[in-house]
C-alpha cells in the first residue's frame, strides 16, 4: 500500500481532554496537508477545524455522546445536529453500551437512528455517522450483534473503540465487524494503533478507516519502508 492510499484511510485524532485552542490550531496546521481522510477533534474544536480545513479534501470529524454513550437520546441527536451545523462532516457517536448489554436492542437502535436522522436533516451539508461499539466491553457475539444494530440504525460505519475504554481495537474485533456488516458499510479500527504494522494488520482484517493519534508517524514509517 502506498503512503497516499494509507493516509486516505486514517482519521488523525486529537481527543486529549487537556488540549485547548492554541495547541489544536498548531496540530491542525501540522496535519492539514498530509492527505488524511479526516482530522478528528473534540466538539469545541470543530469550528476552528472547519475554518482551517475549508477547501481541503480532509474532512472534519468529531465525537458525540463521548466517551460513555449514555447521554439522553435527545441530547445525542441535538449534539450531532449542532456539530454538523458548525462544520463537522463525520460524527463518531458512542452506542449506549449499558442498554445494549441489558439486551435493549430496540432502544439501542432507536437511540442511534435519532442521531443518524438528525444528521440527515441538517441543512449544513452531507455528513456521515460512525457508531463506536466500545468492543472492550463486549464478547465476540455481542460485537457482531452491535454491528448489525448500527447498520439497522442507518450508520455508514461501525467503529471499535473510543480510546478511553478497557482496551483498544483488536484484529479479531475488525474481522467480526466486517463479517457482520458486509462489504458496503465502513469499519473503523481505533484505539492502540500506534505503528505501521498494527495499522496494516487492521486493514488486512477488513478496516477501511483507522483512528489514531500516530498517523504522521505511521506514514513516516511507510515512506521509509518504500
C-alpha atoms as a PDB file:
ATOM      1  CA  UNK A   1       0.000   0.000   0.000  1.00  0.00           C
ATOM      2  CA  UNK A   2       1.443   3.375  -0.993  1.00  0.00           C
ATOM      3  CA  UNK A   3       1.583   6.225   1.508  1.00  0.00           C
ATOM      4  CA  UNK A   4      -1.156   8.297  -0.136  1.00  0.00           C
ATOM      5  CA  UNK A   5      -3.608   5.386  -0.021  1.00  0.00           C
ATOM      6  CA  UNK A   6      -2.650   4.694   3.584  1.00  0.00           C
ATOM      7  CA  UNK A   7      -3.073   8.357   4.523  1.00  0.00           C
ATOM      8  CA  UNK A   8      -6.545   8.382   2.974  1.00  0.00           C
ATOM      9  CA  UNK A   9      -7.574   5.584   5.358  1.00  0.00           C
ATOM     10  CA  UNK A  10      -6.542   7.463   8.516  1.00  0.00           C
ATOM     11  CA  UNK A  11      -8.578   9.687  10.815  1.00  0.00           C
ATOM     12  CA  UNK A  12      -5.766  11.590  12.513  1.00  0.00           C
ATOM     13  CA  UNK A  13      -7.111  12.131  16.011  1.00  0.00           C
ATOM     14  CA  UNK A  14      -6.784  14.713  18.773  1.00  0.00           C
ATOM     15  CA  UNK A  15      -9.156  13.996  21.662  1.00  0.00           C
ATOM     16  CA  UNK A  16      -6.984  14.732  24.678  1.00  0.00           C
ATOM     17  CA  UNK A  17      -9.041  16.423  27.425  1.00  0.00           C
ATOM     18  CA  UNK A  18      -6.172  18.835  28.134  1.00  0.00           C
ATOM     19  CA  UNK A  19      -5.659  20.213  24.598  1.00  0.00           C
ATOM     20  CA  UNK A  20      -7.018  23.716  24.065  1.00  0.00           C
ATOM     21  CA  UNK A  21      -7.462  26.062  21.134  1.00  0.00           C
ATOM     22  CA  UNK A  22      -3.846  27.094  20.618  1.00  0.00           C
ATOM     23  CA  UNK A  23      -2.407  23.596  20.675  1.00  0.00           C
ATOM     24  CA  UNK A  24      -5.236  22.348  18.466  1.00  0.00           C
ATOM     25  CA  UNK A  25      -4.631  25.093  15.918  1.00  0.00           C
ATOM     26  CA  UNK A  26      -0.951  24.144  15.716  1.00  0.00           C
ATOM     27  CA  UNK A  27      -1.849  20.469  15.392  1.00  0.00           C
ATOM     28  CA  UNK A  28      -4.364  21.153  12.612  1.00  0.00           C
ATOM     29  CA  UNK A  29      -1.748  23.170  10.745  1.00  0.00           C
ATOM     30  CA  UNK A  30       0.761  20.327  11.011  1.00  0.00           C
ATOM     31  CA  UNK A  31      -1.704  17.702   9.781  1.00  0.00           C
ATOM     32  CA  UNK A  32      -3.869  19.520   7.256  1.00  0.00           C
ATOM     33  CA  UNK A  33      -1.775  18.721   4.173  1.00  0.00           C
ATOM     34  CA  UNK A  34      -0.882  15.062   4.754  1.00  0.00           C
ATOM     35  CA  UNK A  35      -3.821  13.569   2.877  1.00  0.00           C
ATOM     36  CA  UNK A  36      -5.626  12.140   5.897  1.00  0.00           C
ATOM     37  CA  UNK A  37      -9.257  11.120   5.449  1.00  0.00           C
ATOM     38  CA  UNK A  38     -10.224  13.306   8.402  1.00  0.00           C
ATOM     39  CA  UNK A  39      -8.940  15.161  11.402  1.00  0.00           C
ATOM     40  CA  UNK A  40     -10.965  14.027  14.423  1.00  0.00           C
ATOM     41  CA  UNK A  41     -11.221  16.701  17.117  1.00  0.00           C
ATOM     42  CA  UNK A  42     -13.143  17.443  20.282  1.00  0.00           C
ATOM     43  CA  UNK A  43     -16.541  19.094  19.731  1.00  0.00           C
ATOM     44  CA  UNK A  44     -15.446  22.543  20.869  1.00  0.00           C
ATOM     45  CA  UNK A  45     -12.615  22.486  18.317  1.00  0.00           C
ATOM     46  CA  UNK A  46     -14.963  21.823  15.367  1.00  0.00           C
ATOM     47  CA  UNK A  47     -15.440  25.476  14.313  1.00  0.00           C
ATOM     48  CA  UNK A  48     -11.671  26.024  14.340  1.00  0.00           C
ATOM     49  CA  UNK A  49     -11.032  22.836  12.357  1.00  0.00           C
ATOM     50  CA  UNK A  50     -13.759  23.685   9.849  1.00  0.00           C
ATOM     51  CA  UNK A  51     -12.184  27.100   9.287  1.00  0.00           C
ATOM     52  CA  UNK A  52      -8.643  25.756   8.910  1.00  0.00           C
ATOM     53  CA  UNK A  53      -9.662  22.825   6.659  1.00  0.00           C
ATOM     54  CA  UNK A  54     -12.001  24.806   4.384  1.00  0.00           C
ATOM     55  CA  UNK A  55     -11.344  23.818   0.775  1.00  0.00           C
ATOM     56  CA  UNK A  56      -9.344  20.755   1.830  1.00  0.00           C
ATOM     57  CA  UNK A  57     -10.127  17.149   0.943  1.00  0.00           C
ATOM     58  CA  UNK A  58      -9.517  16.284   4.608  1.00  0.00           C
ATOM     59  CA  UNK A  59     -12.835  16.099   6.470  1.00  0.00           C
ATOM     60  CA  UNK A  60     -13.685  17.449   9.910  1.00  0.00           C
ATOM     61  CA  UNK A  61     -14.619  14.584  12.236  1.00  0.00           C
ATOM     62  CA  UNK A  62     -15.800  14.863  15.825  1.00  0.00           C
ATOM     63  CA  UNK A  63     -17.379  12.785  18.588  1.00  0.00           C
ATOM     64  CA  UNK A  64     -20.873  12.655  20.082  1.00  0.00           C
ATOM     65  CA  UNK A  65     -22.096  11.156  23.357  1.00  0.00           C
ATOM     66  CA  UNK A  66     -18.422  10.647  24.059  1.00  0.00           C
ATOM     67  CA  UNK A  67     -16.858   8.646  25.646  1.00  0.00           C
ATOM     68  CA  UNK A  68     -19.507   6.762  27.658  1.00  0.00           C
ATOM     69  CA  UNK A  69     -22.500   6.713  25.319  1.00  0.00           C
ATOM     70  CA  UNK A  70     -25.178   7.084  27.966  1.00  0.00           C
ATOM     71  CA  UNK A  71     -26.366  10.605  27.192  1.00  0.00           C
ATOM     72  CA  UNK A  72     -30.074  11.066  26.594  1.00  0.00           C
ATOM     73  CA  UNK A  73     -31.106  10.196  23.045  1.00  0.00           C
ATOM     74  CA  UNK A  74     -32.389  13.739  22.549  1.00  0.00           C
ATOM     75  CA  UNK A  75     -29.067  15.149  23.739  1.00  0.00           C
ATOM     76  CA  UNK A  76     -27.085  12.964  21.342  1.00  0.00           C
ATOM     77  CA  UNK A  77     -29.303  13.874  18.407  1.00  0.00           C
ATOM     78  CA  UNK A  78     -29.141  17.591  19.129  1.00  0.00           C
ATOM     79  CA  UNK A  79     -25.385  17.490  19.700  1.00  0.00           C
ATOM     80  CA  UNK A  80     -24.865  15.735  16.367  1.00  0.00           C
ATOM     81  CA  UNK A  81     -27.125  18.154  14.503  1.00  0.00           C
ATOM     82  CA  UNK A  82     -25.411  21.163  16.048  1.00  0.00           C
ATOM     83  CA  UNK A  83     -21.917  19.835  15.305  1.00  0.00           C
ATOM     84  CA  UNK A  84     -22.803  19.331  11.642  1.00  0.00           C
ATOM     85  CA  UNK A  85     -24.060  22.906  11.607  1.00  0.00           C
ATOM     86  CA  UNK A  86     -20.690  24.042  12.939  1.00  0.00           C
ATOM     87  CA  UNK A  87     -18.843  22.248  10.140  1.00  0.00           C
ATOM     88  CA  UNK A  88     -18.387  18.615  11.186  1.00  0.00           C
ATOM     89  CA  UNK A  89     -18.638  16.229   8.234  1.00  0.00           C
ATOM     90  CA  UNK A  90     -18.259  12.985  10.181  1.00  0.00           C
ATOM     91  CA  UNK A  91     -19.831  12.167  13.555  1.00  0.00           C
ATOM     92  CA  UNK A  92     -18.447   9.327  15.702  1.00  0.00           C
ATOM     93  CA  UNK A  93     -21.204   8.544  18.218  1.00  0.00           C
ATOM     94  CA  UNK A  94     -20.920   6.128  21.135  1.00  0.00           C
ATOM     95  CA  UNK A  95     -23.538   3.397  21.361  1.00  0.00           C
ATOM     96  CA  UNK A  96     -25.455   3.137  24.634  1.00  0.00           C
ATOM     97  CA  UNK A  97     -23.363   0.257  25.955  1.00  0.00           C
ATOM     98  CA  UNK A  98     -25.352  -0.260  29.149  1.00  0.00           C
ATOM     99  CA  UNK A  99     -28.637  -0.619  27.291  1.00  0.00           C
ATOM    100  CA  UNK A 100     -27.012  -2.961  24.790  1.00  0.00           C
ATOM    101  CA  UNK A 101     -25.568  -5.232  27.482  1.00  0.00           C
ATOM    102  CA  UNK A 102     -29.018  -5.423  29.078  1.00  0.00           C
ATOM    103  CA  UNK A 103     -30.455  -6.665  25.785  1.00  0.00           C
ATOM    104  CA  UNK A 104     -32.402  -3.494  24.998  1.00  0.00           C
ATOM    105  CA  UNK A 105     -31.725  -3.751  21.275  1.00  0.00           C
ATOM    106  CA  UNK A 106     -34.728  -1.657  20.204  1.00  0.00           C
ATOM    107  CA  UNK A 107     -33.640   1.173  22.494  1.00  0.00           C
ATOM    108  CA  UNK A 108     -30.084   0.995  21.145  1.00  0.00           C
ATOM    109  CA  UNK A 109     -31.249   1.095  17.534  1.00  0.00           C
ATOM    110  CA  UNK A 110     -33.683   3.940  18.165  1.00  0.00           C
ATOM    111  CA  UNK A 111     -31.001   5.884  20.053  1.00  0.00           C
ATOM    112  CA  UNK A 112     -28.585   5.603  17.135  1.00  0.00           C
ATOM    113  CA  UNK A 113     -31.244   6.212  14.488  1.00  0.00           C
ATOM    114  CA  UNK A 114     -32.118   9.503  16.174  1.00  0.00           C
ATOM    115  CA  UNK A 115     -28.537  10.618  15.633  1.00  0.00           C
ATOM    116  CA  UNK A 116     -28.473   9.422  12.021  1.00  0.00           C
ATOM    117  CA  UNK A 117     -31.765  11.166  11.307  1.00  0.00           C
ATOM    118  CA  UNK A 118     -30.661  14.421  12.931  1.00  0.00           C
ATOM    119  CA  UNK A 119     -27.511  14.468  10.797  1.00  0.00           C
ATOM    120  CA  UNK A 120     -29.500  13.735   7.641  1.00  0.00           C
ATOM    121  CA  UNK A 121     -31.946  16.553   8.429  1.00  0.00           C
ATOM    122  CA  UNK A 122     -29.200  19.108   8.945  1.00  0.00           C
ATOM    123  CA  UNK A 123     -29.203  21.885   6.375  1.00  0.00           C
ATOM    124  CA  UNK A 124     -25.448  22.327   6.715  1.00  0.00           C
ATOM    125  CA  UNK A 125     -24.488  19.663   4.190  1.00  0.00           C
ATOM    126  CA  UNK A 126     -23.833  15.959   3.911  1.00  0.00           C
ATOM    127  CA  UNK A 127     -22.318  14.162   6.902  1.00  0.00           C
ATOM    128  CA  UNK A 128     -21.828  10.547   7.912  1.00  0.00           C
ATOM    129  CA  UNK A 129     -22.249   8.706  11.214  1.00  0.00           C
ATOM    130  CA  UNK A 130     -19.840   6.168  12.661  1.00  0.00           C
ATOM    131  CA  UNK A 131     -21.053   4.133  15.643  1.00  0.00           C
ATOM    132  CA  UNK A 132     -18.495   3.378  18.355  1.00  0.00           C
ATOM    133  CA  UNK A 133     -19.219  -0.023  19.897  1.00  0.00           C
ATOM    134  CA  UNK A 134     -16.537   0.051  22.630  1.00  0.00           C
ATOM    135  CA  UNK A 135     -15.644  -3.557  21.906  1.00  0.00           C
ATOM    136  CA  UNK A 136     -13.603  -3.917  25.090  1.00  0.00           C
ATOM    137  CA  UNK A 137     -16.898  -4.353  26.941  1.00  0.00           C
ATOM    138  CA  UNK A 138     -18.261  -6.962  24.506  1.00  0.00           C
ATOM    139  CA  UNK A 139     -17.730 -10.606  23.667  1.00  0.00           C
ATOM    140  CA  UNK A 140     -17.461 -11.765  20.062  1.00  0.00           C
ATOM    141  CA  UNK A 141     -21.162 -12.451  19.631  1.00  0.00           C
ATOM    142  CA  UNK A 142     -22.013  -9.060  21.079  1.00  0.00           C
ATOM    143  CA  UNK A 143     -19.589  -7.316  18.705  1.00  0.00           C
ATOM    144  CA  UNK A 144     -21.418  -8.891  15.772  1.00  0.00           C
ATOM    145  CA  UNK A 145     -24.844  -8.056  17.174  1.00  0.00           C
ATOM    146  CA  UNK A 146     -23.923  -4.453  17.950  1.00  0.00           C
ATOM    147  CA  UNK A 147     -22.532  -4.040  14.447  1.00  0.00           C
ATOM    148  CA  UNK A 148     -25.811  -5.196  12.925  1.00  0.00           C
ATOM    149  CA  UNK A 149     -27.810  -2.835  15.144  1.00  0.00           C
ATOM    150  CA  UNK A 150     -25.690   0.090  13.952  1.00  0.00           C
ATOM    151  CA  UNK A 151     -26.413  -0.850  10.345  1.00  0.00           C
ATOM    152  CA  UNK A 152     -30.127  -1.168  11.144  1.00  0.00           C
ATOM    153  CA  UNK A 153     -29.986   2.373  12.526  1.00  0.00           C
ATOM    154  CA  UNK A 154     -28.609   3.675   9.231  1.00  0.00           C
ATOM    155  CA  UNK A 155     -24.986   4.316  10.216  1.00  0.00           C
ATOM    156  CA  UNK A 156     -22.367   4.366   7.486  1.00  0.00           C
ATOM    157  CA  UNK A 157     -19.557   2.986   9.699  1.00  0.00           C
ATOM    158  CA  UNK A 158     -19.023   0.859  12.758  1.00  0.00           C
ATOM    159  CA  UNK A 159     -16.024   1.674  14.938  1.00  0.00           C
ATOM    160  CA  UNK A 160     -14.257  -0.380  17.577  1.00  0.00           C
ATOM    161  CA  UNK A 161     -13.331   1.906  20.441  1.00  0.00           C
ATOM    162  CA  UNK A 162     -13.202   5.378  21.970  1.00  0.00           C
ATOM    163  CA  UNK A 163      -9.603   5.050  23.118  1.00  0.00           C
ATOM    164  CA  UNK A 164     -10.871   5.711  26.660  1.00  0.00           C
ATOM    165  CA  UNK A 165     -12.375   2.264  27.315  1.00  0.00           C
ATOM    166  CA  UNK A 166     -10.999  -1.015  28.698  1.00  0.00           C
ATOM    167  CA  UNK A 167      -8.875  -1.625  25.604  1.00  0.00           C
ATOM    168  CA  UNK A 168      -8.403  -0.531  22.029  1.00  0.00           C
ATOM    169  CA  UNK A 169      -9.046  -2.304  18.760  1.00  0.00           C
ATOM    170  CA  UNK A 170      -8.075  -5.886  18.039  1.00  0.00           C
ATOM    171  CA  UNK A 171      -7.704  -7.656  14.724  1.00  0.00           C
ATOM    172  CA  UNK A 172     -10.421 -10.068  15.807  1.00  0.00           C
ATOM    173  CA  UNK A 173     -12.820  -7.184  16.505  1.00  0.00           C
ATOM    174  CA  UNK A 174     -12.315  -5.925  12.982  1.00  0.00           C
ATOM    175  CA  UNK A 175     -12.771  -9.356  11.426  1.00  0.00           C
ATOM    176  CA  UNK A 176     -16.067  -9.861  13.260  1.00  0.00           C
ATOM    177  CA  UNK A 177     -17.332  -6.381  12.413  1.00  0.00           C
ATOM    178  CA  UNK A 178     -16.507  -6.744   8.738  1.00  0.00           C
ATOM    179  CA  UNK A 179     -18.237 -10.107   8.570  1.00  0.00           C
ATOM    180  CA  UNK A 180     -21.292  -8.716  10.364  1.00  0.00           C
ATOM    181  CA  UNK A 181     -21.771  -5.595   8.225  1.00  0.00           C
ATOM    182  CA  UNK A 182     -20.716  -6.909   4.825  1.00  0.00           C
ATOM    183  CA  UNK A 183     -18.688  -5.096   2.179  1.00  0.00           C
ATOM    184  CA  UNK A 184     -20.683  -1.868   1.839  1.00  0.00           C
ATOM    185  CA  UNK A 185     -20.511  -0.483   5.403  1.00  0.00           C
ATOM    186  CA  UNK A 186     -17.316   1.089   6.704  1.00  0.00           C
ATOM    187  CA  UNK A 187     -15.304  -0.419   9.537  1.00  0.00           C
ATOM    188  CA  UNK A 188     -13.096   1.873  11.602  1.00  0.00           C
ATOM    189  CA  UNK A 189     -10.440   0.449  13.909  1.00  0.00           C
ATOM    190  CA  UNK A 190      -9.408   2.821  16.680  1.00  0.00           C
ATOM    191  CA  UNK A 191      -7.550   2.597  19.963  1.00  0.00           C
ATOM    192  CA  UNK A 192      -3.950   1.496  20.348  1.00  0.00           C
ATOM    193  CA  UNK A 193      -2.957   1.817  16.680  1.00  0.00           C
ATOM    194  CA  UNK A 194       0.444   3.431  17.010  1.00  0.00           C
ATOM    195  CA  UNK A 195       2.695   1.776  14.410  1.00  0.00           C
ATOM    196  CA  UNK A 196       2.702   0.750  10.761  1.00  0.00           C
ATOM    197  CA  UNK A 197       2.496  -2.990  11.390  1.00  0.00           C
ATOM    198  CA  UNK A 198      -0.622  -2.668  13.529  1.00  0.00           C
ATOM    199  CA  UNK A 199      -2.213  -0.324  11.011  1.00  0.00           C
ATOM    200  CA  UNK A 200      -1.634  -2.749   8.147  1.00  0.00           C
ATOM    201  CA  UNK A 201      -2.935  -5.678  10.205  1.00  0.00           C
ATOM    202  CA  UNK A 202      -6.175  -3.802  10.850  1.00  0.00           C
ATOM    203  CA  UNK A 203      -6.593  -3.010   7.157  1.00  0.00           C
ATOM    204  CA  UNK A 204      -5.885  -6.616   6.225  1.00  0.00           C
ATOM    205  CA  UNK A 205      -8.552  -7.722   8.711  1.00  0.00           C
ATOM    206  CA  UNK A 206     -11.149  -5.540   6.996  1.00  0.00           C
ATOM    207  CA  UNK A 207     -10.843  -1.986   8.327  1.00  0.00           C
ATOM    208  CA  UNK A 208     -11.120   0.749   5.735  1.00  0.00           C
ATOM    209  CA  UNK A 209     -10.581   3.542   8.250  1.00  0.00           C
ATOM    210  CA  UNK A 210      -8.129   3.836  11.134  1.00  0.00           C
ATOM    211  CA  UNK A 211      -8.447   6.192  14.085  1.00  0.00           C
ATOM    212  CA  UNK A 212      -5.069   7.089  15.543  1.00  0.00           C
ATOM    213  CA  UNK A 213      -3.113   9.946  17.046  1.00  0.00           C
ATOM    214  CA  UNK A 214       0.017   8.496  15.431  1.00  0.00           C
ATOM    215  CA  UNK A 215      -0.906   8.993  11.783  1.00  0.00           C
ATOM    216  CA  UNK A 216       2.141  11.084  10.933  1.00  0.00           C
ATOM    217  CA  UNK A 217       4.475   8.517  12.478  1.00  0.00           C
ATOM    218  CA  UNK A 218       2.729   5.684  10.635  1.00  0.00           C
ATOM    219  CA  UNK A 219       3.073   7.499   7.317  1.00  0.00           C
ATOM    220  CA  UNK A 220       6.727   8.206   8.055  1.00  0.00           C
ATOM    221  CA  UNK A 221       7.363   4.519   8.655  1.00  0.00           C
ATOM    222  CA  UNK A 222       5.540   3.617   5.430  1.00  0.00           C
ATOM    223  CA  UNK A 223       7.596   6.122   3.440  1.00  0.00           C
ATOM    224  CA  UNK A 224      10.848   4.823   4.959  1.00  0.00           C
ATOM    225  CA  UNK A 225       9.926   1.267   4.066  1.00  0.00           C
ATOM    226  CA  UNK A 226       9.388   2.328   0.447  1.00  0.00           C
END
